[in-house]
Amino acid sequence: MSTMLEVAKKAGVSKATVSRVLSGKGYVSDATKEQVYKAIEEAGYRPNLLARNLASNKSECIGLVVTNTLYNGSYFSEILSQAAKKLEDNGRQLILVDGKHSAQEEREAIQFLLDLRCDAVIIYPRFLSIDEMDEIIDQYKQPIMVVNRKLRKHQSHCICCDHKGSSYLATKHLIERGHRDIAFITGSMDSPTAIERLAGYKEALNQYDIGINDNLIVQGKWTPGSGVSAVESLYQRQDKISAIVASNDEMAIGAMKKLNDLGISVPGEISIIGFDNIPTAPYLSPALSSVRDPVSEMISEVINRLISMLDGGYLSKENIFTSDLLVRNSVIDGPYKK
């Protein structure tokens, strides 16, 4: 690989002149620039990006930390594709780093991106606490935005969805359609999203004076297989059920498959609602009712705020996004419908 010194010799200029041409800082005549660019092309020179970032203190890159448990499925794909597209539209690159399996590893992933001189970092945390994230934002001068968690101290630095409210909405819809014996399949309970969605389900039952039956709550793991296992557990308990809320569409699909294997009609005997509105949801038979979280809109707002912070702009504290319930053929009126 050619060096900057070799380029300088080939162009007949100093190394400092080559550096000024590459950085765009300082005066260099057009004729000299042309000589340098020609020498760069002939030499096949590629600047050392890390060295350039260290010199300029700017990389035009934004880092994203996501735990690897989110890597599968359309939810992660939407996060990643929207972030990459939005940054490309703003002349920046996305660097993805795995947050792995602990708060410490999430911290290390953030530090890794900052060591690469990323201009800013987006965190989609699973293990870091709210207090720890507020502390991290205080610790670093680079802008940091948190997705899917509501911070106490730095409210302008977070964007989140009202998962509790969206789960309440889904459960409320079933109740108002005449269902009272409503089962709930949770996500992995080390996930803040899973905890909030379970809380929303319970709140809806409480508001309508429907007792919470722990036998109707089964823990899942976000996968179709855990949806299958959840239905197996529910029917072993032999409690009456007329509807199921699954904490994501993949578990809902697994639940529908198992119900079909058991000869139980969806929605004739059991109505089902999922979350995330995956692309296949409308094309299932029956079409799956689902709660759509505004993932694209949230990521777009996160990047808008980062760019505003980098440019010294104003930040709003409005940070809660609401979801939409898309009712399809997997839900019909229940036995208590008047």
Foldseek 3Di string as FASTA:
>chain_A
DDDLCQLCVQLVHHSVLLVCLVVVDDDDDPVSNVSSVVSCVVVVDDDDQLVVCVVVLERLEEEEEDACLPVDDVLVVLLVVLLQVLSVVVVGGYHYDHCYDEPVSVVVRVVVCVSSSYQEYEYADLHDDLVRVVVVCVVDPRQYAYEADQHDPCLLRYAHEQLLQLLLVVLLVQVQLFFQQEAEEFAPVSGPSRVSSVNSNVVNCVVVVRDDDVLRYHYAHPALVSLLVSLVSSVVVVDQAQEYEYAAVRSVVSVCVNCVVVVHDFNVRYAYEHECPGVCQVVDVQRHWYKHDPSSVLSSVNVVSSVCVSVVHDTDSPRYDYIDTGDTRRDHRDPRHD
